[in-house]
């Protein structure tokens, strides 16, 4: 029995499935972690230290010559489509493949990878329509974080009877295993605000208001700021952000590409969250904390599932209101605690077992291993 976990995308995908791989491996199953970039391998190497019993094998698939040229130009990983096509024969040798990308099944169909059973786990908590594609019905097993996702998938007829299991949120397993304390990254003690804009220009606050946000904090003596945008802002949208002016300020910490952007380091040390529609806030409120949201695009909540995070704190549609709303963020927080708790309880299921254990159990049960 050969089980493969696919990591053909950016490093943030790793955290959402590798605990399951580690758990299966620790139970004696042969598990390969199939990677296409050194950046993903580096993340996995670091995480293995938290799982001393695991025996997963890392399988590195080499990119094309064109990728190696682009890597010099800061491209982090080869195009998944090219890699799927190049290594389809190798992937077809697995009995079970576990992935986190919405496009995986489509690409497998395109390139004839039809031997393995397919398992899918979400890489985060996407709540907008793009996160719920018809291809979900094609998977042999969906590993889901909680009841609200199940209810929506059932209502939308995107699941088949018996092809899903609730396992909780694997990424949270690392909080339980990694008990390290964080040294202050700021010389002066002030409330720490994390600014975490989305990468998509259609909904993000960064492209219209981002520099104004940084200017506000640059001139402020009341807060420390962590500017931790979605990792794809740098990768896809603005590779050269020209932020040196802000990077020299002792009360502003800017991170555009380290693992801390995605391993919950910053969301755990921040006292308050400033964002727009990024789903990373769902990880931040695992323990309810103050939030404030920027709506510079005059976005409307046309459906219940549109921007549910805007029920976790006030929403600013006029930039001139930001200073006052930020001053009130801690006083206003009690008004939103119940909304945050309700969302967490319905979205992230939990019990005495870790999500990695539950995911491993689900795979073993589904495929009679």
Protein backbone atom coordinates (compact mmCIF):
# COMPACT_ATOMS: atom_id res chain seq x y z
CA UNK A 1 0.00 0.00 0.00
CA UNK A 2 1.59 3.25 -1.20
CA UNK A 3 0.20 6.53 0.12
CA UNK A 4 1.35 9.86 -1.27
CA UNK A 5 0.72 13.39 -0.01
CA UNK A 6 1.05 15.96 -2.79
CA UNK A 7 2.72 19.34 -2.24
CA UNK A 8 2.90 20.96 -5.67
CA UNK A 9 1.91 24.45 -4.51
CA UNK A 10 3.05 27.10 -2.06
CA UNK A 11 4.30 26.31 1.44
CA UNK A 12 1.03 27.25 3.16
CA UNK A 13 -0.57 24.04 1.83
CA UNK A 14 1.77 21.86 3.90
CA UNK A 15 0.25 22.66 7.31
CA UNK A 16 -3.20 21.46 6.29
CA UNK A 17 -2.39 17.84 5.56
CA UNK A 18 1.06 16.85 6.79
CA UNK A 19 -0.13 16.02 10.35
CA UNK A 20 -2.25 13.27 8.77
CA UNK A 21 0.75 11.96 6.84
CA UNK A 22 2.88 11.94 9.98
CA UNK A 23 0.19 10.05 11.89
CA UNK A 24 -0.23 7.39 9.19
CA UNK A 25 3.52 6.97 9.02
CA UNK A 26 3.84 6.56 12.78
CA UNK A 27 1.35 3.68 12.54
CA UNK A 28 3.53 1.81 10.09
CA UNK A 29 2.10 2.84 6.73
CA UNK A 30 4.45 3.70 3.88
CA UNK A 31 3.88 7.39 3.23
CA UNK A 32 5.65 9.59 0.69
CA UNK A 33 5.59 13.38 0.85
CA UNK A 34 5.80 14.40 -2.80
CA UNK A 35 7.30 17.88 -3.19
CA UNK A 36 8.42 20.00 -6.11
CA UNK A 37 10.35 22.79 -4.40
CA UNK A 38 13.07 23.25 -1.81
CA UNK A 39 10.94 25.78 0.04
CA UNK A 40 8.27 23.14 0.74
CA UNK A 41 10.91 20.59 1.73
CA UNK A 42 12.39 23.06 4.20
CA UNK A 43 9.02 23.55 5.89
CA UNK A 44 8.45 19.81 6.14
CA UNK A 45 11.94 19.24 7.54
CA UNK A 46 11.22 21.72 10.34
CA UNK A 47 7.82 20.22 11.14
CA UNK A 48 9.18 16.69 11.38
CA UNK A 49 10.94 17.72 14.59
CA UNK A 50 7.51 17.90 16.25
CA UNK A 51 6.71 14.31 15.21
CA UNK A 52 9.68 12.15 16.29
CA UNK A 53 7.82 8.88 15.58
CA UNK A 54 6.99 9.65 11.96
CA UNK A 55 8.93 7.95 9.16
CA UNK A 56 7.63 9.68 6.03
CA UNK A 57 9.86 9.71 2.99
CA UNK A 58 10.29 12.98 1.11
CA UNK A 59 10.18 12.46 -2.65
CA UNK A 60 11.51 15.44 -4.60
CA UNK A 61 10.32 15.82 -8.18
CA UNK A 62 12.69 17.99 -10.19
CA UNK A 63 11.27 20.90 -12.13
CA UNK A 64 11.92 21.71 -15.73
CA UNK A 65 14.88 23.74 -16.95
CA UNK A 66 12.56 26.72 -17.43
CA UNK A 67 11.53 26.51 -13.78
CA UNK A 68 15.12 26.45 -12.60
CA UNK A 69 15.68 29.64 -14.60
CA UNK A 70 12.54 31.22 -13.14
CA UNK A 71 13.55 30.17 -9.64
CA UNK A 72 16.55 32.43 -9.96
CA UNK A 73 14.01 35.13 -10.67
CA UNK A 74 12.23 34.26 -7.38
CA UNK A 75 9.58 31.85 -8.62
CA UNK A 76 9.05 29.61 -5.60
CA UNK A 77 7.71 26.46 -7.21
CA UNK A 78 7.18 25.04 -10.71
CA UNK A 79 3.74 25.21 -12.27
CA UNK A 80 1.62 22.34 -10.90
CA UNK A 81 0.14 21.60 -14.31
CA UNK A 82 3.57 21.07 -15.84
CA UNK A 83 4.67 18.87 -12.95
CA UNK A 84 1.47 16.80 -13.02
CA UNK A 85 1.96 16.13 -16.71
CA UNK A 86 5.66 15.35 -16.36
CA UNK A 87 5.20 12.91 -13.47
CA UNK A 88 1.76 11.45 -14.21
CA UNK A 89 3.25 7.97 -14.64
CA UNK A 90 4.92 8.17 -11.24
CA UNK A 91 1.79 9.43 -9.49
CA UNK A 92 -0.23 6.62 -11.06
CA UNK A 93 1.81 4.12 -9.07
CA UNK A 94 0.27 5.21 -5.77
CA UNK A 95 -2.76 3.55 -4.20
CA UNK A 96 -3.91 6.70 -2.39
CA UNK A 97 -3.06 10.34 -3.07
CA UNK A 98 -3.91 13.14 -0.66
CA UNK A 99 -4.04 16.74 -1.90
CA UNK A 100 -5.07 20.21 -0.80
CA UNK A 101 -5.56 22.04 -4.11
CA UNK A 102 -8.91 22.51 -5.82
CA UNK A 103 -7.37 21.84 -9.23
CA UNK A 104 -5.78 18.49 -8.38
CA UNK A 105 -8.57 16.23 -9.59
CA UNK A 106 -9.02 18.20 -12.81
CA UNK A 107 -5.33 17.88 -13.63
CA UNK A 108 -5.30 14.19 -12.78
CA UNK A 109 -8.21 13.65 -15.15
CA UNK A 110 -6.42 15.63 -17.84
CA UNK A 111 -3.22 13.60 -17.59
CA UNK A 112 -4.70 10.17 -16.93
CA UNK A 113 -3.73 9.72 -13.28
CA UNK A 114 -6.64 7.36 -12.63
CA UNK A 115 -5.22 4.53 -10.54
CA UNK A 116 -5.08 6.08 -7.05
CA UNK A 117 -7.95 6.78 -4.70
CA UNK A 118 -8.14 10.53 -4.07
CA UNK A 119 -8.41 12.29 -0.72
CA UNK A 120 -8.93 16.04 -0.37
CA UNK A 121 -8.47 18.34 2.62
CA UNK A 122 -9.02 22.10 2.42
CA UNK A 123 -5.99 24.39 2.66
CA UNK A 124 -7.70 26.79 5.02
CA UNK A 125 -11.29 27.82 5.53
CA UNK A 126 -12.42 29.34 2.27
CA UNK A 127 -15.97 30.58 2.52
CA UNK A 128 -16.58 32.14 -0.87
CA UNK A 129 -17.89 30.22 -3.89
CA UNK A 130 -14.48 29.43 -5.41
CA UNK A 131 -13.80 27.17 -2.43
CA UNK A 132 -16.70 24.87 -3.22
CA UNK A 133 -16.25 23.47 -6.70
CA UNK A 134 -18.14 20.67 -8.36
CA UNK A 135 -14.92 18.63 -8.53
CA UNK A 136 -15.32 17.90 -4.82
CA UNK A 137 -17.82 15.19 -5.73
CA UNK A 138 -15.08 13.37 -7.61
CA UNK A 139 -12.96 12.66 -4.56
CA UNK A 140 -13.14 9.31 -2.83
CA UNK A 141 -12.82 11.00 0.56
CA UNK A 142 -13.16 14.58 1.79
CA UNK A 143 -11.62 15.43 5.16
CA UNK A 144 -13.62 18.34 6.55
CA UNK A 145 -13.00 20.70 9.47
CA UNK A 146 -16.48 21.02 10.96
CA UNK A 147 -20.24 20.84 10.71
CA UNK A 148 -20.86 24.17 8.97
CA UNK A 149 -18.77 23.07 5.96
CA UNK A 150 -20.56 19.72 5.91
CA UNK A 151 -23.98 21.38 5.98
CA UNK A 152 -23.08 23.67 3.10
CA UNK A 153 -21.63 20.86 0.99
CA UNK A 154 -24.67 18.65 1.57
CA UNK A 155 -27.04 21.50 0.79
CA UNK A 156 -25.11 22.29 -2.39
CA UNK A 157 -24.98 18.61 -3.40
CA UNK A 158 -21.19 18.70 -3.53
CA UNK A 159 -20.65 15.53 -1.51
CA UNK A 160 -21.67 11.93 -1.95
CA UNK A 161 -22.90 9.71 0.82
CA UNK A 162 -19.94 8.16 2.57
CA UNK A 163 -17.23 10.22 0.88
CA UNK A 164 -16.60 12.66 3.73
CA UNK A 165 -15.49 12.69 7.34
CA UNK A 166 -15.18 15.50 9.87
CA UNK A 167 -11.68 15.59 11.37
CA UNK A 168 -11.21 19.14 12.66
CA UNK A 169 -8.46 21.47 11.48
CA UNK A 170 -5.07 19.76 11.08
CA UNK A 171 -3.13 23.00 11.25
CA UNK A 172 -4.22 23.49 14.85
CA UNK A 173 -2.33 20.32 15.78
CA UNK A 174 0.86 22.34 15.64
CA UNK A 175 -0.37 24.64 18.41
CA UNK A 176 -0.68 21.66 20.72
CA UNK A 177 2.70 20.22 19.77
CA UNK A 178 4.68 23.43 19.55
CA UNK A 179 4.67 24.97 23.02
CA UNK A 180 7.49 27.41 22.36
CA UNK A 181 7.21 30.89 23.79
CA UNK A 182 7.76 33.92 21.61
CA UNK A 183 10.29 36.60 22.40
CA UNK A 184 9.13 40.13 21.72
CA UNK A 185 9.97 41.35 18.23
CA UNK A 186 9.55 44.98 19.30
CA UNK A 187 11.79 47.04 21.59
CA UNK A 188 8.88 48.87 23.23
CA UNK A 189 5.80 47.29 24.76
CA UNK A 190 2.65 48.46 22.97
CA UNK A 191 -0.50 46.71 21.72
CA UNK A 192 0.48 44.59 18.71
CA UNK A 193 -1.71 44.93 15.63
CA UNK A 194 -1.36 42.47 12.75
CA UNK A 195 -2.30 43.83 9.31
CA UNK A 196 -3.13 40.86 7.08
CA UNK A 197 -4.56 41.90 3.69
CA UNK A 198 -5.82 39.42 1.11
CA UNK A 199 -3.89 38.88 -2.13
CA UNK A 200 -6.83 39.17 -4.57
CA UNK A 201 -7.02 42.70 -5.94
CA UNK A 202 -10.81 42.49 -6.27
CA UNK A 203 -11.34 42.21 -2.53
CA UNK A 204 -8.05 43.24 -0.92
CA UNK A 205 -7.47 46.45 1.02
CA UNK A 206 -3.77 46.50 0.17
CA UNK A 207 -3.82 47.94 -3.33
CA UNK A 208 -5.94 51.00 -2.48
CA UNK A 209 -5.32 51.57 1.22
CA UNK A 210 -2.25 49.53 2.10
CA UNK A 211 0.33 52.29 1.97
CA UNK A 212 -2.03 54.60 3.87
CA UNK A 213 -2.32 51.96 6.59
CA UNK A 214 1.46 51.76 6.85
CA UNK A 215 1.75 55.55 6.91
CA UNK A 216 -0.76 55.71 9.76
CA UNK A 217 1.20 53.24 11.86
CA UNK A 218 4.52 54.83 10.93
CA UNK A 219 3.40 58.07 12.53
CA UNK A 220 1.63 56.44 15.48
CA UNK A 221 3.18 56.10 18.93
CA UNK A 222 0.35 53.93 20.25
CA UNK A 223 0.85 50.60 18.50
CA UNK A 224 3.35 48.07 17.25
CA UNK A 225 2.49 46.76 13.79
CA UNK A 226 3.14 43.41 12.17
CA UNK A 227 2.58 43.72 8.43
CA UNK A 228 1.98 40.12 7.40
CA UNK A 229 0.10 40.05 4.08
CA UNK A 230 -1.04 36.90 2.37
CA UNK A 231 2.08 35.25 1.05
CA UNK A 232 0.80 35.44 -2.55
CA UNK A 233 0.83 39.26 -2.60
CA UNK A 234 4.57 39.11 -3.05
CA UNK A 235 4.62 35.95 -5.14
CA UNK A 236 1.96 36.94 -7.68
CA UNK A 237 1.05 40.57 -7.42
CA UNK A 238 3.79 42.92 -6.27
CA UNK A 239 7.20 41.32 -6.10
CA UNK A 240 8.93 44.62 -5.39
CA UNK A 241 6.84 46.35 -2.73
CA UNK A 242 9.29 49.19 -1.93
CA UNK A 243 8.76 49.12 1.82
CA UNK A 244 12.21 50.17 3.06
CA UNK A 245 10.74 53.35 4.52
CA UNK A 246 8.66 51.30 6.93
CA UNK A 247 11.10 48.47 7.56
CA UNK A 248 13.47 50.78 9.42
CA UNK A 249 10.82 51.81 11.95
CA UNK A 250 11.39 49.98 15.27
CA UNK A 251 7.65 49.58 15.90
CA UNK A 252 6.88 48.06 12.47
CA UNK A 253 7.77 44.49 11.60
CA UNK A 254 7.36 43.50 7.95
CA UNK A 255 7.39 39.90 6.76
CA UNK A 256 6.71 39.04 3.13
CA UNK A 257 7.87 35.48 2.85
CA UNK A 258 8.98 33.64 5.99
CA UNK A 259 7.28 30.62 7.53
CA UNK A 260 5.97 32.86 10.31
CA UNK A 261 3.43 34.23 7.86
CA UNK A 262 1.65 30.89 7.77
CA UNK A 263 2.58 28.95 10.92
CA UNK A 264 0.35 31.10 13.18
CA UNK A 265 3.29 32.77 14.95
CA UNK A 266 2.02 36.26 14.24
CA UNK A 267 -1.65 35.54 14.81
CA UNK A 268 -0.78 34.09 18.21
CA UNK A 269 1.30 37.06 19.41
CA UNK A 270 -0.94 39.81 18.01
CA UNK A 271 -3.33 41.61 20.36
CA UNK A 272 -5.66 42.73 17.57
CA UNK A 273 -6.29 41.89 13.92
CA UNK A 274 -6.64 44.34 11.03
CA UNK A 275 -7.64 42.84 7.71
CA UNK A 276 -10.22 42.72 4.93
CA UNK A 277 -11.56 39.36 3.75
CA UNK A 278 -8.61 37.04 4.38
CA UNK A 279 -9.63 33.68 5.84
CA UNK A 280 -6.52 33.75 8.03
CA UNK A 281 -8.64 35.59 10.58
CA UNK A 282 -10.44 32.31 11.24
CA UNK A 283 -7.20 30.91 12.64
CA UNK A 284 -6.59 34.12 14.60
CA UNK A 285 -9.91 33.91 16.48
CA UNK A 286 -9.32 30.33 17.55
CA UNK A 287 -9.04 32.20 20.82
CA UNK A 288 -11.42 35.19 20.47
CA UNK A 289 -9.58 38.49 20.12
CA UNK A 290 -10.33 41.99 18.76
CA UNK A 291 -10.75 42.48 15.00
CA UNK A 292 -11.25 45.39 12.60
CA UNK A 293 -11.90 45.10 8.87
CA UNK A 294 -11.26 47.39 5.91
CA UNK A 295 -13.75 47.58 3.04
CA UNK A 296 -12.25 50.02 0.57
CA UNK A 297 -14.03 48.43 -2.41
CA UNK A 298 -17.57 49.00 -1.13
CA UNK A 299 -18.13 45.23 -1.14
CA UNK A 300 -21.63 44.03 -0.31
CA UNK A 301 -22.67 40.93 1.62
CA UNK A 302 -25.14 39.57 -0.92
CA UNK A 303 -25.19 36.07 0.58
CA UNK A 304 -24.86 34.78 4.11
CA UNK A 305 -21.52 33.18 3.25
CA UNK A 306 -20.05 36.44 1.94
CA UNK A 307 -17.41 37.75 4.34
CA UNK A 308 -18.66 36.13 7.59
CA UNK A 309 -15.56 37.54 9.28
CA UNK A 310 -17.19 40.96 9.18
CA UNK A 311 -19.33 39.78 12.08
CA UNK A 312 -16.19 39.50 14.23
CA UNK A 313 -15.53 43.25 14.46
CA UNK A 314 -16.34 46.67 13.04
CA UNK A 315 -15.96 47.32 9.30
CA UNK A 316 -14.35 50.56 8.07
CA UNK A 317 -15.52 51.82 4.67
CA UNK A 318 -14.04 55.32 5.00
CA UNK A 319 -10.32 55.44 5.72
CA UNK A 320 -10.78 58.55 7.85
CA UNK A 321 -12.66 56.38 10.34
CA UNK A 322 -9.69 54.05 10.89
CA UNK A 323 -7.95 55.92 13.75
CA UNK A 324 -11.11 56.16 15.83
CA UNK A 325 -12.19 52.58 15.22
CA UNK A 326 -8.70 51.35 16.04
CA UNK A 327 -8.76 53.33 19.30
CA UNK A 328 -12.02 51.56 20.18
CA UNK A 329 -11.03 48.07 19.03
CA UNK A 330 -10.43 46.66 22.52
CA UNK A 331 -13.47 48.33 24.08
CA UNK A 332 -15.71 47.13 21.24
CA UNK A 333 -14.46 43.54 21.34
CA UNK A 334 -17.05 42.24 23.87
CA UNK A 335 -19.77 43.06 21.32
CA UNK A 336 -18.33 40.46 18.93
CA UNK A 337 -17.10 37.66 21.21
CA UNK A 338 -20.28 35.58 20.86
CA UNK A 339 -20.12 35.80 17.05
CA UNK A 340 -16.51 34.64 17.08
CA UNK A 341 -17.19 31.74 19.45
CA UNK A 342 -20.23 30.60 17.45
CA UNK A 343 -18.23 30.59 14.24
CA UNK A 344 -15.33 28.67 15.75
CA UNK A 345 -17.58 26.04 17.29
CA UNK A 346 -19.45 25.39 14.05
CA UNK A 347 -16.40 25.56 11.77
CA UNK A 348 -13.66 23.73 13.69
CA UNK A 349 -14.72 20.46 15.23
CA UNK A 350 -12.60 19.13 18.09
CA UNK A 351 -12.50 16.20 20.48
CA UNK A 352 -9.91 14.27 22.48
CA UNK A 353 -8.06 13.18 19.33
CA UNK A 354 -5.89 15.42 17.20
CA UNK A 355 -6.99 16.23 13.65
CA UNK A 356 -4.02 14.27 12.34
CA UNK A 357 -5.19 11.19 14.23
CA UNK A 358 -8.76 11.65 13.04
CA UNK A 359 -7.64 12.11 9.44
CA UNK A 360 -5.55 8.96 9.61
CA UNK A 361 -8.47 7.06 11.14
CA UNK A 362 -10.78 8.28 8.36
CA UNK A 363 -8.41 7.13 5.61
CA UNK A 364 -7.90 3.75 7.23
CA UNK A 365 -11.64 3.27 7.64
CA UNK A 366 -12.63 4.51 4.18
CA UNK A 367 -10.17 2.31 2.31
CA UNK A 368 -10.18 -0.66 4.74
CA UNK A 369 -6.45 -0.45 5.32
